[in-house]
Amino acid sequence: MELTNARRLASEYLRLGGHRRVVIDDNQTSIRSWEEEPAEAEAFWKQNVETLAPERQREVELFLPTINRA
């Protein structure tokens, strides 16, 4: 199965040790991070995710681990 670009970005970010988590509330997303991230993960996020249009950023965020209850 082919991975979407959003899935690839999220997977690579997590592989680099990224700690951000998504919160989904009323179909809106926000990102939380309580731990300092490795420099590589932070740089990857800034270069590859923060530069995306908001709707594309949301697609990446939805592939991050969530803190929402099931």
N, C-alpha and C. Protein backbone atom coordinates (compact mmCIF):
# COMPACT_ATOMS: atom_id res chain seq x y z
N MET A 1 0.84 -1.17 0.00
CA MET A 1 0.00 0.00 0.00
C MET A 1 0.88 1.24 0.00
N GLU A 2 0.57 2.16 -0.87
CA GLU A 2 1.35 3.38 -0.99
C GLU A 2 1.03 4.34 0.15
N LEU A 3 2.07 4.89 0.75
CA LEU A 3 1.88 5.87 1.81
C LEU A 3 1.65 7.25 1.21
N THR A 4 0.75 8.00 1.82
CA THR A 4 0.54 9.37 1.37
C THR A 4 1.72 10.22 1.81
N ASN A 5 1.88 11.38 1.20
CA ASN A 5 2.95 12.28 1.58
C ASN A 5 2.81 12.66 3.05
N ALA A 6 1.59 12.92 3.52
CA ALA A 6 1.37 13.29 4.92
C ALA A 6 1.81 12.16 5.83
N ARG A 7 1.51 10.94 5.48
CA ARG A 7 1.90 9.78 6.29
C ARG A 7 3.41 9.63 6.32
N ARG A 8 4.05 9.83 5.17
CA ARG A 8 5.51 9.74 5.10
C ARG A 8 6.16 10.80 5.98
N LEU A 9 5.64 12.03 5.93
CA LEU A 9 6.20 13.11 6.76
C LEU A 9 6.06 12.80 8.24
N ALA A 10 4.87 12.37 8.64
CA ALA A 10 4.64 12.06 10.06
C ALA A 10 5.52 10.89 10.50
N SER A 11 5.64 9.88 9.68
CA SER A 11 6.46 8.71 10.03
C SER A 11 7.93 9.09 10.18
N GLU A 12 8.42 9.90 9.27
CA GLU A 12 9.83 10.31 9.35
C GLU A 12 10.07 11.18 10.58
N TYR A 13 9.16 12.08 10.86
CA TYR A 13 9.27 12.92 12.05
C TYR A 13 9.34 12.06 13.31
N LEU A 14 8.47 11.08 13.43
CA LEU A 14 8.47 10.20 14.59
C LEU A 14 9.72 9.33 14.63
N ARG A 15 10.19 8.88 13.47
CA ARG A 15 11.41 8.09 13.40
C ARG A 15 12.61 8.88 13.93
N LEU A 16 12.60 10.18 13.69
CA LEU A 16 13.68 11.05 14.16
C LEU A 16 13.58 11.35 15.66
N GLY A 17 12.54 10.85 16.29
CA GLY A 17 12.39 11.01 17.74
C GLY A 17 11.46 12.12 18.16
N GLY A 18 10.64 12.62 17.24
CA GLY A 18 9.70 13.69 17.56
C GLY A 18 8.69 13.27 18.62
N HIS A 19 8.32 14.22 19.49
CA HIS A 19 7.43 13.93 20.61
C HIS A 19 6.07 14.61 20.51
N ARG A 20 5.81 15.36 19.47
CA ARG A 20 4.53 16.08 19.38
C ARG A 20 3.37 15.09 19.31
N ARG A 21 2.26 15.50 19.92
CA ARG A 21 1.04 14.70 19.92
C ARG A 21 -0.10 15.58 19.43
N VAL A 22 -1.07 14.99 18.79
CA VAL A 22 -2.22 15.73 18.29
C VAL A 22 -3.38 15.61 19.27
N VAL A 23 -4.10 16.72 19.41
CA VAL A 23 -5.35 16.74 20.16
C VAL A 23 -6.44 17.05 19.14
N ILE A 24 -7.48 16.24 19.12
CA ILE A 24 -8.58 16.44 18.19
C ILE A 24 -9.82 16.75 19.00
N ASP A 25 -10.39 17.94 18.77
CA ASP A 25 -11.56 18.37 19.52
C ASP A 25 -12.51 19.05 18.55
N ASP A 26 -13.72 18.53 18.45
CA ASP A 26 -14.71 19.07 17.51
C ASP A 26 -14.15 19.20 16.10
N ASN A 27 -13.40 18.16 15.69
CA ASN A 27 -12.81 18.08 14.36
C ASN A 27 -11.74 19.14 14.11
N GLN A 28 -11.25 19.78 15.15
CA GLN A 28 -10.14 20.72 15.06
C GLN A 28 -8.92 20.06 15.67
N THR A 29 -7.75 20.31 15.10
CA THR A 29 -6.53 19.71 15.64
C THR A 29 -5.64 20.77 16.26
N SER A 30 -4.91 20.37 17.27
CA SER A 30 -3.84 21.21 17.82
C SER A 30 -2.73 20.26 18.26
N ILE A 31 -1.54 20.80 18.37
CA ILE A 31 -0.36 20.00 18.68
C ILE A 31 0.12 20.33 20.09
N ARG A 32 0.50 19.29 20.81
CA ARG A 32 1.05 19.44 22.16
C ARG A 32 2.40 18.74 22.21
N SER A 33 3.30 19.31 22.98
CA SER A 33 4.60 18.69 23.21
C SER A 33 5.08 19.08 24.59
N TRP A 34 5.36 18.07 25.41
CA TRP A 34 5.80 18.33 26.78
C TRP A 34 7.28 18.06 26.97
N GLU A 35 7.89 17.44 26.00
CA GLU A 35 9.30 17.09 26.11
C GLU A 35 10.10 17.80 25.03
N GLU A 36 11.36 18.07 25.34
CA GLU A 36 12.25 18.65 24.34
C GLU A 36 12.52 17.59 23.27
N GLU A 37 12.51 18.03 22.02
CA GLU A 37 12.70 17.11 20.92
C GLU A 37 14.16 17.05 20.49
N PRO A 38 14.55 15.94 19.89
CA PRO A 38 15.88 15.90 19.28
C PRO A 38 15.98 16.99 18.20
N ALA A 39 17.15 17.54 18.04
CA ALA A 39 17.36 18.62 17.06
C ALA A 39 16.93 18.21 15.66
N GLU A 40 17.19 16.95 15.29
CA GLU A 40 16.84 16.49 13.95
C GLU A 40 15.33 16.50 13.73
N ALA A 41 14.57 16.07 14.73
CA ALA A 41 13.12 16.05 14.62
C ALA A 41 12.56 17.47 14.54
N GLU A 42 13.08 18.36 15.37
CA GLU A 42 12.63 19.76 15.37
C GLU A 42 12.91 20.41 14.02
N ALA A 43 14.12 20.20 13.50
CA ALA A 43 14.48 20.78 12.20
C ALA A 43 13.60 20.20 11.09
N PHE A 44 13.37 18.89 11.14
CA PHE A 44 12.52 18.26 10.13
C PHE A 44 11.12 18.87 10.15
N TRP A 45 10.53 19.04 11.35
CA TRP A 45 9.19 19.61 11.48
C TRP A 45 9.14 21.02 10.89
N LYS A 46 10.13 21.83 11.26
CA LYS A 46 10.15 23.21 10.78
C LYS A 46 10.33 23.31 9.28
N GLN A 47 11.17 22.46 8.71
CA GLN A 47 11.45 22.52 7.28
C GLN A 47 10.39 21.86 6.41
N ASN A 48 9.75 20.82 6.93
CA ASN A 48 8.87 20.02 6.08
C ASN A 48 7.39 20.09 6.41
N VAL A 49 7.04 20.48 7.62
CA VAL A 49 5.64 20.52 8.01
C VAL A 49 5.15 21.96 8.18
N GLU A 50 5.90 22.76 8.92
CA GLU A 50 5.47 24.15 9.15
C GLU A 50 5.39 24.96 7.86
N THR A 51 6.07 24.52 6.82
CA THR A 51 6.04 25.24 5.54
C THR A 51 4.84 24.88 4.67
N LEU A 52 4.08 23.87 5.09
CA LEU A 52 2.91 23.44 4.32
C LEU A 52 1.73 24.38 4.55
N ALA A 53 0.79 24.35 3.64
CA ALA A 53 -0.48 25.08 3.82
C ALA A 53 -1.20 24.47 5.03
N PRO A 54 -2.02 25.26 5.73
CA PRO A 54 -2.68 24.76 6.94
C PRO A 54 -3.44 23.45 6.75
N GLU A 55 -4.11 23.27 5.64
CA GLU A 55 -4.87 22.03 5.45
C GLU A 55 -3.93 20.83 5.26
N ARG A 56 -2.76 21.04 4.69
CA ARG A 56 -1.77 19.97 4.54
C ARG A 56 -1.09 19.68 5.88
N GLN A 57 -0.86 20.72 6.68
CA GLN A 57 -0.31 20.51 8.03
C GLN A 57 -1.25 19.63 8.84
N ARG A 58 -2.54 19.90 8.73
CA ARG A 58 -3.54 19.12 9.47
C ARG A 58 -3.48 17.65 9.07
N GLU A 59 -3.29 17.38 7.78
CA GLU A 59 -3.20 16.00 7.32
C GLU A 59 -2.02 15.28 8.00
N VAL A 60 -0.88 15.97 8.13
CA VAL A 60 0.28 15.38 8.80
C VAL A 60 -0.04 15.17 10.28
N GLU A 61 -0.63 16.17 10.92
CA GLU A 61 -0.96 16.10 12.34
C GLU A 61 -1.84 14.90 12.65
N LEU A 62 -2.76 14.57 11.75
CA LEU A 62 -3.68 13.46 12.00
C LEU A 62 -2.98 12.10 12.03
N PHE A 63 -1.74 12.04 11.54
CA PHE A 63 -0.97 10.81 11.60
C PHE A 63 -0.07 10.72 12.83
N LEU A 64 -0.03 11.78 13.64
CA LEU A 64 0.73 11.74 14.88
C LEU A 64 -0.05 10.99 15.94
N PRO A 65 0.63 10.46 16.94
CA PRO A 65 -0.10 9.84 18.05
C PRO A 65 -1.02 10.86 18.70
N THR A 66 -2.17 10.42 19.16
CA THR A 66 -3.15 11.32 19.76
C THR A 66 -3.17 11.17 21.27
N ILE A 67 -3.57 12.22 21.94
CA ILE A 67 -3.77 12.14 23.38
C ILE A 67 -5.25 12.03 23.72
N ASN A 68 -6.08 11.96 22.69
CA ASN A 68 -7.51 11.80 22.90
C ASN A 68 -7.82 10.40 23.41
N ARG A 69 -8.89 10.31 24.13
CA ARG A 69 -9.33 8.98 24.57
C ARG A 69 -10.05 8.29 23.44
N ALA A 70 -9.98 6.99 23.43
CA ALA A 70 -10.62 6.21 22.36
C ALA A 70 -12.13 6.19 22.54
